[in-house]
Amino acid sequence: MPRTVQIRDIDDDVYRALARRAAAAGVTVPELLRREAARLARRPTIEEWLEQTRRRPIPTRDVDAVQALDEIRGPWPDARR
């Protein structure tokens, strides 16, 4: 069931900025805030993100960054020209 949230005491300059963003997106201010609240709710908290990244395996092989970049870029042009 949908819930209603009310935000009080928003500064005029903040509301004007929200109204400009809503107009640019072709939506109302409440719709803009609804979308932003949904986006915020989908994002992990810092603690959740840190926990997820801690579980990633650490690479076991050494990578030579310069060699890897050279392979991607290809041969260097002749610098003597």
C-alpha atoms as a PDB file:
ATOM      1  CA  MET A   1       0.000   0.000   0.000  1.00  0.00           C
ATOM      2  CA  PRO A   2       1.448   3.400  -0.980  1.00  0.00           C
ATOM      3  CA  ARG A   3       2.467   5.759   1.802  1.00  0.00           C
ATOM      4  CA  THR A   4       2.419   9.536   1.979  1.00  0.00           C
ATOM      5  CA  VAL A   5       5.494  11.477   3.047  1.00  0.00           C
ATOM      6  CA  GLN A   6       5.400  15.172   3.835  1.00  0.00           C
ATOM      7  CA  ILE A   7       8.506  17.343   3.910  1.00  0.00           C
ATOM      8  CA  ARG A   8       8.221  20.594   5.823  1.00  0.00           C
ATOM      9  CA  ASP A   9      10.279  23.759   5.899  1.00  0.00           C
ATOM     10  CA  ILE A  10      11.984  23.465   2.512  1.00  0.00           C
ATOM     11  CA  ASP A  11      13.833  26.675   1.667  1.00  0.00           C
ATOM     12  CA  ASP A  12      12.448  28.638  -1.254  1.00  0.00           C
ATOM     13  CA  ASP A  13      15.672  28.342  -3.249  1.00  0.00           C
ATOM     14  CA  VAL A  14      15.658  24.558  -2.778  1.00  0.00           C
ATOM     15  CA  TYR A  15      12.053  24.318  -3.951  1.00  0.00           C
ATOM     16  CA  ARG A  16      12.785  26.525  -6.970  1.00  0.00           C
ATOM     17  CA  ALA A  17      15.694  24.267  -7.913  1.00  0.00           C
ATOM     18  CA  LEU A  18      13.464  21.201  -7.568  1.00  0.00           C
ATOM     19  CA  ALA A  19      10.766  22.881  -9.667  1.00  0.00           C
ATOM     20  CA  ARG A  20      13.316  23.676 -12.405  1.00  0.00           C
ATOM     21  CA  ARG A  21      14.556  20.084 -12.437  1.00  0.00           C
ATOM     22  CA  ALA A  22      11.007  18.730 -12.501  1.00  0.00           C
ATOM     23  CA  ALA A  23      10.065  21.036 -15.382  1.00  0.00           C
ATOM     24  CA  ALA A  24      13.171  20.003 -17.318  1.00  0.00           C
ATOM     25  CA  ALA A  25      12.189  16.352 -16.826  1.00  0.00           C
ATOM     26  CA  GLY A  26       8.569  17.067 -17.775  1.00  0.00           C
ATOM     27  CA  VAL A  27       7.173  15.969 -14.406  1.00  0.00           C
ATOM     28  CA  THR A  28       5.765  17.562 -11.273  1.00  0.00           C
ATOM     29  CA  VAL A  29       7.846  18.212  -8.159  1.00  0.00           C
ATOM     30  CA  PRO A  30       6.106  15.387  -6.248  1.00  0.00           C
ATOM     31  CA  GLU A  31       6.820  12.970  -9.133  1.00  0.00           C
ATOM     32  CA  LEU A  32      10.465  14.072  -9.246  1.00  0.00           C
ATOM     33  CA  LEU A  33      10.774  13.475  -5.498  1.00  0.00           C
ATOM     34  CA  ARG A  34       8.993  10.118  -5.806  1.00  0.00           C
ATOM     35  CA  ARG A  35      11.502   9.009  -8.458  1.00  0.00           C
ATOM     36  CA  GLU A  36      14.465  10.254  -6.428  1.00  0.00           C
ATOM     37  CA  ALA A  37      13.181   8.507  -3.289  1.00  0.00           C
ATOM     38  CA  ALA A  38      12.832   5.244  -5.227  1.00  0.00           C
ATOM     39  CA  ARG A  39      16.356   5.645  -6.641  1.00  0.00           C
ATOM     40  CA  LEU A  40      17.744   6.353  -3.190  1.00  0.00           C
ATOM     41  CA  ALA A  41      15.961   3.318  -1.718  1.00  0.00           C
ATOM     42  CA  ARG A  42      17.486   1.024  -4.382  1.00  0.00           C
ATOM     43  CA  ARG A  43      21.052   2.098  -3.606  1.00  0.00           C
ATOM     44  CA  PRO A  44      22.947   0.129  -0.987  1.00  0.00           C
ATOM     45  CA  THR A  45      24.033   1.903   2.163  1.00  0.00           C
ATOM     46  CA  ILE A  46      27.762   2.497   2.599  1.00  0.00           C
ATOM     47  CA  GLU A  47      27.877  -0.389   5.057  1.00  0.00           C
ATOM     48  CA  GLU A  48      26.104  -2.720   2.597  1.00  0.00           C
ATOM     49  CA  TRP A  49      28.411  -1.647  -0.232  1.00  0.00           C
ATOM     50  CA  LEU A  50      31.509  -2.199   1.878  1.00  0.00           C
ATOM     51  CA  GLU A  51      30.275  -5.655   2.880  1.00  0.00           C
ATOM     52  CA  GLN A  52      29.656  -6.541  -0.780  1.00  0.00           C
ATOM     53  CA  THR A  53      33.103  -5.377  -1.841  1.00  0.00           C
ATOM     54  CA  ARG A  54      34.811  -7.236   1.006  1.00  0.00           C
ATOM     55  CA  ARG A  55      33.396 -10.505  -0.328  1.00  0.00           C
ATOM     56  CA  ARG A  56      34.998 -10.107  -3.743  1.00  0.00           C
ATOM     57  CA  PRO A  57      37.974 -12.363  -4.313  1.00  0.00           C
ATOM     58  CA  ILE A  58      41.347 -10.689  -4.393  1.00  0.00           C
ATOM     59  CA  PRO A  59      43.178 -11.308  -7.682  1.00  0.00           C
ATOM     60  CA  THR A  60      45.941 -13.847  -7.199  1.00  0.00           C
ATOM     61  CA  ARG A  61      48.063 -12.999 -10.228  1.00  0.00           C
ATOM     62  CA  ASP A  62      50.301 -10.002 -10.592  1.00  0.00           C
ATOM     63  CA  VAL A  63      49.313  -7.628 -13.360  1.00  0.00           C
ATOM     64  CA  ASP A  64      51.850  -5.356 -14.992  1.00  0.00           C
ATOM     65  CA  ALA A  65      49.740  -2.267 -15.621  1.00  0.00           C
ATOM     66  CA  VAL A  66      52.156  -0.714 -18.103  1.00  0.00           C
ATOM     67  CA  GLN A  67      52.319  -3.902 -20.138  1.00  0.00           C
ATOM     68  CA  ALA A  68      48.528  -4.239 -20.101  1.00  0.00           C
ATOM     69  CA  LEU A  69      48.103  -0.636 -21.294  1.00  0.00           C
ATOM     70  CA  ASP A  70      50.707  -1.117 -24.001  1.00  0.00           C
ATOM     71  CA  GLU A  71      48.802  -4.157 -25.264  1.00  0.00           C
ATOM     72  CA  ILE A  72      45.585  -2.150 -25.398  1.00  0.00           C
ATOM     73  CA  ARG A  73      47.134   0.936 -27.027  1.00  0.00           C
ATOM     74  CA  GLY A  74      49.293  -0.856 -29.526  1.00  0.00           C
ATOM     75  CA  PRO A  75      52.821   0.110 -30.546  1.00  0.00           C
ATOM     76  CA  TRP A  76      54.146   3.564 -29.743  1.00  0.00           C
ATOM     77  CA  PRO A  77      54.629   5.876 -32.707  1.00  0.00           C
ATOM     78  CA  ASP A  78      58.209   6.576 -33.719  1.00  0.00           C
ATOM     79  CA  ALA A  79      59.219   9.485 -31.465  1.00  0.00           C
ATOM     80  CA  ARG A  80      62.133  10.521 -33.711  1.00  0.00           C
ATOM     81  CA  ARG A  81      59.972  11.930 -36.484  1.00  0.00           C
END
